[in-house]
Amino acid sequence: MFGRFWLLVEGESEVLLLQECARISGHHLFSEGICCVEFPTVGVEKLIRLADQLGIDWLMMVDKDKAGNDYVNSATKQLSGRNAADHIRQLPCGAIEAYLCSAGLGDVYKANISTQKAATITAASGSEVYWEQVTKAQSNAKSKPELVAEVVVSKACIRMDRSSFRLGFCQDRGGWSREGVPFLAQTLACCPLLAAVNFRHDQGRDPRSTA
């Protein structure tokens, strides 16, 4: 847990997603001193204060929902004048599962819709509301982390190109383009892994350094 950089996330799905994407791109988070830390049980405020006391840099990723908004507000209060963009990332829509679906990775979730819950999906196909309904109508046969794992594996095997992915890592944090960036990297462009690795590698120093 006491790495050089903490990625504060809401749950196991995010941890698995970030770790697997790092592995595909040739990075091992733990070896590089980057720890994924689930914060809901302890509380994000306590973990941020602890990280600051230990001199550990951090970045939080949360869903675009009420709970996520509350987490953003709590984290913002702990910034003490620091730039929120360097420490807080909120998905552009819904929970991580709905975000993956809206970014073009919804096949796994469509295939896992419960027959008993299918009638609850009433929104226009492809819309944000549609994908939120799809993710809420999932069968209990597979857990959320299992579905995320399927998404990563199915798309990585088809689309991932290591050299192109690394080119994507080298782009400016706010300037991701769709051209030349593999599908999975496009989908995860706002995730903490990319920001964290960019921060460490582009700056060429330990995130704790003030030099």
C-alpha atoms as a PDB file:
ATOM      1  CA  MET A   1       0.000   0.000   0.000  1.00  0.00           C
ATOM      2  CA  PHE A   2       2.846   2.403   0.727  1.00  0.00           C
ATOM      3  CA  GLY A   3       3.857   3.056  -2.873  1.00  0.00           C
ATOM      4  CA  ARG A   4       5.083   6.269  -4.425  1.00  0.00           C
ATOM      5  CA  PHE A   5       1.734   6.998  -6.061  1.00  0.00           C
ATOM      6  CA  TRP A   6      -1.805   6.090  -4.990  1.00  0.00           C
ATOM      7  CA  LEU A   7      -4.651   5.591  -7.414  1.00  0.00           C
ATOM      8  CA  LEU A   8      -7.750   6.020  -5.274  1.00  0.00           C
ATOM      9  CA  VAL A   9     -10.670   4.095  -6.754  1.00  0.00           C
ATOM     10  CA  GLU A  10     -14.172   3.053  -5.772  1.00  0.00           C
ATOM     11  CA  GLY A  11     -13.964  -0.711  -6.143  1.00  0.00           C
ATOM     12  CA  GLU A  12     -12.449  -3.963  -7.323  1.00  0.00           C
ATOM     13  CA  SER A  13     -13.544  -3.470 -10.936  1.00  0.00           C
ATOM     14  CA  GLU A  14     -11.445  -0.317 -11.258  1.00  0.00           C
ATOM     15  CA  VAL A  15      -8.448  -1.999  -9.634  1.00  0.00           C
ATOM     16  CA  LEU A  16      -8.613  -4.933 -12.027  1.00  0.00           C
ATOM     17  CA  LEU A  17      -9.136  -2.678 -15.032  1.00  0.00           C
ATOM     18  CA  LEU A  18      -6.170  -0.442 -14.265  1.00  0.00           C
ATOM     19  CA  GLN A  19      -3.829  -3.275 -13.390  1.00  0.00           C
ATOM     20  CA  GLU A  20      -4.668  -5.238 -16.531  1.00  0.00           C
ATOM     21  CA  CYS A  21      -4.330  -2.216 -18.801  1.00  0.00           C
ATOM     22  CA  ALA A  22      -0.958  -1.486 -17.242  1.00  0.00           C
ATOM     23  CA  ARG A  23       0.140  -5.071 -17.845  1.00  0.00           C
ATOM     24  CA  ILE A  24      -0.957  -4.954 -21.490  1.00  0.00           C
ATOM     25  CA  SER A  25       0.981  -1.735 -22.027  1.00  0.00           C
ATOM     26  CA  GLY A  26       4.158  -3.176 -20.527  1.00  0.00           C
ATOM     27  CA  HIS A  27       3.859  -1.680 -17.052  1.00  0.00           C
ATOM     28  CA  HIS A  28       3.552  -3.336 -13.652  1.00  0.00           C
ATOM     29  CA  LEU A  29       1.926  -0.907 -11.251  1.00  0.00           C
ATOM     30  CA  PHE A  30       3.323  -2.393  -8.049  1.00  0.00           C
ATOM     31  CA  SER A  31       6.855  -2.590  -9.443  1.00  0.00           C
ATOM     32  CA  GLU A  32       6.643   1.051 -10.497  1.00  0.00           C
ATOM     33  CA  GLY A  33       5.466   2.099  -7.048  1.00  0.00           C
ATOM     34  CA  ILE A  34       1.865   2.755  -8.071  1.00  0.00           C
ATOM     35  CA  CYS A  35      -0.796   1.301  -5.754  1.00  0.00           C
ATOM     36  CA  CYS A  36      -4.513   1.013  -6.462  1.00  0.00           C
ATOM     37  CA  VAL A  37      -6.359   1.741  -3.225  1.00  0.00           C
ATOM     38  CA  GLU A  38     -10.087   1.201  -2.716  1.00  0.00           C
ATOM     39  CA  PHE A  39     -11.266   4.080  -0.554  1.00  0.00           C
ATOM     40  CA  PRO A  40     -15.039   3.756   0.195  1.00  0.00           C
ATOM     41  CA  THR A  41     -14.641   1.651   3.355  1.00  0.00           C
ATOM     42  CA  VAL A  42     -12.037   3.891   4.989  1.00  0.00           C
ATOM     43  CA  GLY A  43     -13.151   7.172   3.468  1.00  0.00           C
ATOM     44  CA  VAL A  44     -11.411   9.204   0.803  1.00  0.00           C
ATOM     45  CA  GLU A  45     -10.684  12.121   3.134  1.00  0.00           C
ATOM     46  CA  LYS A  46      -8.760   9.942   5.580  1.00  0.00           C
ATOM     47  CA  LEU A  47      -6.714   8.307   2.829  1.00  0.00           C
ATOM     48  CA  ILE A  48      -5.866  11.648   1.236  1.00  0.00           C
ATOM     49  CA  ARG A  49      -4.725  13.055   4.573  1.00  0.00           C
ATOM     50  CA  LEU A  50      -2.633   9.938   5.177  1.00  0.00           C
ATOM     51  CA  ALA A  51      -1.088  10.122   1.705  1.00  0.00           C
ATOM     52  CA  ASP A  52      -0.195  13.778   2.246  1.00  0.00           C
ATOM     53  CA  GLN A  53       1.356  13.020   5.639  1.00  0.00           C
ATOM     54  CA  LEU A  54       3.452  10.241   4.102  1.00  0.00           C
ATOM     55  CA  GLY A  55       4.490  12.350   1.112  1.00  0.00           C
ATOM     56  CA  ILE A  56       2.693  10.082  -1.336  1.00  0.00           C
ATOM     57  CA  ASP A  57       1.174  11.681  -4.415  1.00  0.00           C
ATOM     58  CA  TRP A  58      -2.350  10.569  -5.309  1.00  0.00           C
ATOM     59  CA  LEU A  59      -5.016  10.658  -7.974  1.00  0.00           C
ATOM     60  CA  MET A  60      -8.671   9.758  -7.447  1.00  0.00           C
ATOM     61  CA  MET A  61     -11.045   8.329 -10.062  1.00  0.00           C
ATOM     62  CA  VAL A  62     -14.790   8.250  -9.383  1.00  0.00           C
ATOM     63  CA  ASP A  63     -18.031   7.555 -11.212  1.00  0.00           C
ATOM     64  CA  LYS A  64     -20.243  10.265 -12.683  1.00  0.00           C
ATOM     65  CA  ASP A  65     -23.108   9.832 -10.220  1.00  0.00           C
ATOM     66  CA  LYS A  66     -24.280  11.232  -6.881  1.00  0.00           C
ATOM     67  CA  ALA A  67     -21.761   9.247  -4.855  1.00  0.00           C
ATOM     68  CA  GLY A  68     -19.008  10.279  -7.268  1.00  0.00           C
ATOM     69  CA  ASN A  69     -19.989  13.933  -6.916  1.00  0.00           C
ATOM     70  CA  ASP A  70     -19.817  13.598  -3.139  1.00  0.00           C
ATOM     71  CA  TYR A  71     -16.343  12.032  -3.396  1.00  0.00           C
ATOM     72  CA  VAL A  72     -15.207  14.899  -5.628  1.00  0.00           C
ATOM     73  CA  ASN A  73     -16.451  17.438  -3.095  1.00  0.00           C
ATOM     74  CA  SER A  74     -14.711  15.611  -0.253  1.00  0.00           C
ATOM     75  CA  ALA A  75     -11.421  15.338  -2.140  1.00  0.00           C
ATOM     76  CA  THR A  76     -11.562  18.973  -3.239  1.00  0.00           C
ATOM     77  CA  LYS A  77     -11.662  20.058   0.407  1.00  0.00           C
ATOM     78  CA  GLN A  78      -8.340  18.259   0.958  1.00  0.00           C
ATOM     79  CA  LEU A  79      -6.464  19.937  -1.903  1.00  0.00           C
ATOM     80  CA  SER A  80      -5.175  22.920   0.114  1.00  0.00           C
ATOM     81  CA  GLY A  81      -4.668  25.040  -2.971  1.00  0.00           C
ATOM     82  CA  ARG A  82      -3.431  22.273  -5.260  1.00  0.00           C
ATOM     83  CA  ASN A  83      -4.770  21.908  -8.804  1.00  0.00           C
ATOM     84  CA  ALA A  84      -7.849  19.667  -8.817  1.00  0.00           C
ATOM     85  CA  ALA A  85      -7.044  18.439 -12.350  1.00  0.00           C
ATOM     86  CA  ASP A  86      -3.829  16.877 -11.032  1.00  0.00           C
ATOM     87  CA  HIS A  87      -5.632  14.867  -8.368  1.00  0.00           C
ATOM     88  CA  ILE A  88      -9.265  14.264  -9.331  1.00  0.00           C
ATOM     89  CA  ARG A  89     -10.713  12.431 -12.326  1.00  0.00           C
ATOM     90  CA  GLN A  90     -14.438  11.849 -12.796  1.00  0.00           C
ATOM     91  CA  LEU A  91     -15.734   9.618 -15.563  1.00  0.00           C
ATOM     92  CA  PRO A  92     -17.710  11.484 -18.237  1.00  0.00           C
ATOM     93  CA  CYS A  93     -20.791   9.309 -17.750  1.00  0.00           C
ATOM     94  CA  GLY A  94     -22.198   6.908 -15.178  1.00  0.00           C
ATOM     95  CA  ALA A  95     -20.321   4.137 -13.435  1.00  0.00           C
ATOM     96  CA  ILE A  96     -17.228   2.473 -14.889  1.00  0.00           C
ATOM     97  CA  GLU A  97     -19.348  -0.257 -16.524  1.00  0.00           C
ATOM     98  CA  ALA A  98     -21.650   2.234 -18.275  1.00  0.00           C
ATOM     99  CA  TYR A  99     -18.630   4.270 -19.341  1.00  0.00           C
ATOM    100  CA  LEU A 100     -16.986   1.247 -20.940  1.00  0.00           C
ATOM    101  CA  CYS A 101     -20.228   0.448 -22.756  1.00  0.00           C
ATOM    102  CA  SER A 102     -20.743   3.991 -24.043  1.00  0.00           C
ATOM    103  CA  ALA A 103     -17.157   3.981 -25.308  1.00  0.00           C
ATOM    104  CA  GLY A 104     -17.873   1.011 -27.563  1.00  0.00           C
ATOM    105  CA  LEU A 105     -17.155  -1.897 -25.228  1.00  0.00           C
ATOM    106  CA  GLY A 106     -20.713  -2.933 -24.474  1.00  0.00           C
ATOM    107  CA  ASP A 107     -20.859  -6.316 -26.214  1.00  0.00           C
ATOM    108  CA  VAL A 108     -19.887  -8.226 -23.060  1.00  0.00           C
ATOM    109  CA  TYR A 109     -22.627  -6.518 -21.058  1.00  0.00           C
ATOM    110  CA  LYS A 110     -25.286  -6.983 -23.740  1.00  0.00           C
ATOM    111  CA  ALA A 111     -24.491 -10.697 -23.795  1.00  0.00           C
ATOM    112  CA  ASN A 112     -24.953 -10.908 -20.014  1.00  0.00           C
ATOM    113  CA  ILE A 113     -28.386  -9.259 -19.753  1.00  0.00           C
ATOM    114  CA  SER A 114     -30.750 -11.186 -17.505  1.00  0.00           C
ATOM    115  CA  THR A 115     -33.843 -12.458 -19.320  1.00  0.00           C
ATOM    116  CA  GLN A 116     -35.915 -11.424 -16.302  1.00  0.00           C
ATOM    117  CA  LYS A 117     -34.581  -7.845 -16.443  1.00  0.00           C
ATOM    118  CA  ALA A 118     -34.466  -7.331 -20.210  1.00  0.00           C
ATOM    119  CA  ALA A 119     -37.837  -5.556 -20.199  1.00  0.00           C
ATOM    120  CA  THR A 120     -36.387  -2.792 -18.003  1.00  0.00           C
ATOM    121  CA  ILE A 121     -34.221  -1.602 -20.906  1.00  0.00           C
ATOM    122  CA  THR A 122     -36.415   0.984 -22.595  1.00  0.00           C
ATOM    123  CA  ALA A 123     -34.051   3.795 -23.645  1.00  0.00           C
ATOM    124  CA  ALA A 124     -32.848   4.360 -27.194  1.00  0.00           C
ATOM    125  CA  SER A 125     -30.094   1.916 -28.112  1.00  0.00           C
ATOM    126  CA  GLY A 126     -26.616   3.379 -27.731  1.00  0.00           C
ATOM    127  CA  SER A 127     -27.605   6.306 -25.529  1.00  0.00           C
ATOM    128  CA  GLU A 128     -26.045   6.885 -22.095  1.00  0.00           C
ATOM    129  CA  VAL A 129     -29.336   5.994 -20.408  1.00  0.00           C
ATOM    130  CA  TYR A 130     -29.525   2.813 -22.479  1.00  0.00           C
ATOM    131  CA  TRP A 131     -26.120   1.649 -21.289  1.00  0.00           C
ATOM    132  CA  GLU A 132     -26.959   2.517 -17.697  1.00  0.00           C
ATOM    133  CA  GLN A 133     -30.062   0.340 -18.016  1.00  0.00           C
ATOM    134  CA  VAL A 134     -28.040  -2.447 -19.622  1.00  0.00           C
ATOM    135  CA  THR A 135     -25.508  -2.513 -16.797  1.00  0.00           C
ATOM    136  CA  LYS A 136     -28.295  -2.554 -14.210  1.00  0.00           C
ATOM    137  CA  ALA A 137     -30.009  -5.474 -15.993  1.00  0.00           C
ATOM    138  CA  GLN A 138     -27.067  -7.833 -15.723  1.00  0.00           C
ATOM    139  CA  SER A 139     -27.403 -11.493 -14.818  1.00  0.00           C
ATOM    140  CA  ASN A 140     -26.003 -12.516 -11.447  1.00  0.00           C
ATOM    141  CA  ALA A 141     -24.026 -15.308 -13.110  1.00  0.00           C
ATOM    142  CA  LYS A 142     -20.948 -13.081 -13.335  1.00  0.00           C
ATOM    143  CA  SER A 143     -19.584 -10.490 -10.936  1.00  0.00           C
ATOM    144  CA  LYS A 144     -18.735  -6.928 -11.958  1.00  0.00           C
ATOM    145  CA  PRO A 145     -14.963  -7.610 -11.839  1.00  0.00           C
ATOM    146  CA  GLU A 146     -15.435 -10.729 -13.971  1.00  0.00           C
ATOM    147  CA  LEU A 147     -17.255  -8.710 -16.630  1.00  0.00           C
ATOM    148  CA  VAL A 148     -14.586  -6.008 -16.600  1.00  0.00           C
ATOM    149  CA  ALA A 149     -11.950  -8.718 -17.053  1.00  0.00           C
ATOM    150  CA  GLU A 150     -13.845 -10.041 -20.073  1.00  0.00           C
ATOM    151  CA  VAL A 151     -13.994  -6.559 -21.592  1.00  0.00           C
ATOM    152  CA  VAL A 152     -10.254  -6.026 -21.209  1.00  0.00           C
ATOM    153  CA  VAL A 153      -9.281  -9.452 -22.504  1.00  0.00           C
ATOM    154  CA  SER A 154     -11.670  -9.470 -25.464  1.00  0.00           C
ATOM    155  CA  LYS A 155     -10.659  -6.038 -26.726  1.00  0.00           C
ATOM    156  CA  ALA A 156      -6.976  -6.212 -25.854  1.00  0.00           C
ATOM    157  CA  CYS A 157      -6.473  -9.412 -27.831  1.00  0.00           C
ATOM    158  CA  ILE A 158      -8.003  -7.836 -30.941  1.00  0.00           C
ATOM    159  CA  ARG A 159      -7.018  -4.213 -30.810  1.00  0.00           C
ATOM    160  CA  MET A 160      -3.926  -3.746 -28.666  1.00  0.00           C
ATOM    161  CA  ASP A 161      -0.709  -2.668 -30.315  1.00  0.00           C
ATOM    162  CA  ARG A 162       2.019  -2.123 -27.744  1.00  0.00           C
ATOM    163  CA  SER A 163       4.002   0.463 -29.707  1.00  0.00           C
ATOM    164  CA  SER A 164       0.889   2.500 -30.536  1.00  0.00           C
ATOM    165  CA  PHE A 165      -0.293   2.274 -26.967  1.00  0.00           C
ATOM    166  CA  ARG A 166       3.020   3.705 -25.816  1.00  0.00           C
ATOM    167  CA  LEU A 167       2.705   6.498 -28.355  1.00  0.00           C
ATOM    168  CA  GLY A 168      -0.632   7.230 -26.761  1.00  0.00           C
ATOM    169  CA  PHE A 169       1.035   7.454 -23.361  1.00  0.00           C
ATOM    170  CA  CYS A 170       3.358  10.138 -24.701  1.00  0.00           C
ATOM    171  CA  GLN A 171       0.583  12.516 -25.742  1.00  0.00           C
ATOM    172  CA  ASP A 172      -0.312  15.481 -23.586  1.00  0.00           C
ATOM    173  CA  ARG A 173      -2.643  14.584 -20.739  1.00  0.00           C
ATOM    174  CA  GLY A 174      -5.392  16.811 -22.080  1.00  0.00           C
ATOM    175  CA  GLY A 175      -4.783  16.265 -25.774  1.00  0.00           C
ATOM    176  CA  TRP A 176      -5.769  12.699 -26.575  1.00  0.00           C
ATOM    177  CA  SER A 177      -6.783  12.224 -30.196  1.00  0.00           C
ATOM    178  CA  ARG A 178      -8.619   9.268 -31.700  1.00  0.00           C
ATOM    179  CA  GLU A 179      -6.169   8.933 -34.603  1.00  0.00           C
ATOM    180  CA  GLY A 180      -3.464   6.319 -34.101  1.00  0.00           C
ATOM    181  CA  VAL A 181      -4.496   5.501 -30.543  1.00  0.00           C
ATOM    182  CA  PRO A 182      -5.712   1.915 -30.007  1.00  0.00           C
ATOM    183  CA  PHE A 183      -9.318   1.347 -29.061  1.00  0.00           C
ATOM    184  CA  LEU A 184      -8.653   0.429 -25.451  1.00  0.00           C
ATOM    185  CA  ALA A 185      -6.391   3.423 -24.885  1.00  0.00           C
ATOM    186  CA  GLN A 186      -9.094   5.729 -26.287  1.00  0.00           C
ATOM    187  CA  THR A 187     -11.611   4.234 -23.913  1.00  0.00           C
ATOM    188  CA  LEU A 188      -9.385   4.646 -20.887  1.00  0.00           C
ATOM    189  CA  ALA A 189      -7.963   8.041 -21.770  1.00  0.00           C
ATOM    190  CA  CYS A 190      -9.394   9.646 -18.628  1.00  0.00           C
ATOM    191  CA  CYS A 191      -8.386   6.860 -16.240  1.00  0.00           C
ATOM    192  CA  PRO A 192      -5.839   7.484 -13.486  1.00  0.00           C
ATOM    193  CA  LEU A 193      -3.356   4.956 -14.851  1.00  0.00           C
ATOM    194  CA  LEU A 194      -2.623   7.086 -17.901  1.00  0.00           C
ATOM    195  CA  ALA A 195      -2.424  10.322 -15.957  1.00  0.00           C
ATOM    196  CA  ALA A 196      -0.246   8.740 -13.294  1.00  0.00           C
ATOM    197  CA  VAL A 197       2.192   7.135 -15.710  1.00  0.00           C
ATOM    198  CA  ASN A 198       2.312  10.290 -17.837  1.00  0.00           C
ATOM    199  CA  PHE A 199       3.014  12.368 -14.742  1.00  0.00           C
ATOM    200  CA  ARG A 200       5.851  10.162 -13.611  1.00  0.00           C
ATOM    201  CA  HIS A 201       7.440   9.489 -16.984  1.00  0.00           C
ATOM    202  CA  ASP A 202       6.957  12.890 -18.604  1.00  0.00           C
ATOM    203  CA  GLN A 203       8.333  14.716 -15.605  1.00  0.00           C
ATOM    204  CA  GLY A 204      11.158  12.193 -15.294  1.00  0.00           C
ATOM    205  CA  ARG A 205      11.123  12.192 -11.511  1.00  0.00           C
ATOM    206  CA  ASP A 206       9.595  10.705  -8.423  1.00  0.00           C
ATOM    207  CA  PRO A 207       6.087  12.205  -7.902  1.00  0.00           C
ATOM    208  CA  ARG A 208       7.058  13.130  -4.336  1.00  0.00           C
ATOM    209  CA  SER A 209       9.985  15.272  -5.484  1.00  0.00           C
ATOM    210  CA  THR A 210       9.582  19.020  -5.174  1.00  0.00           C
ATOM    211  CA  ALA A 211      12.728  19.815  -7.128  1.00  0.00           C
END
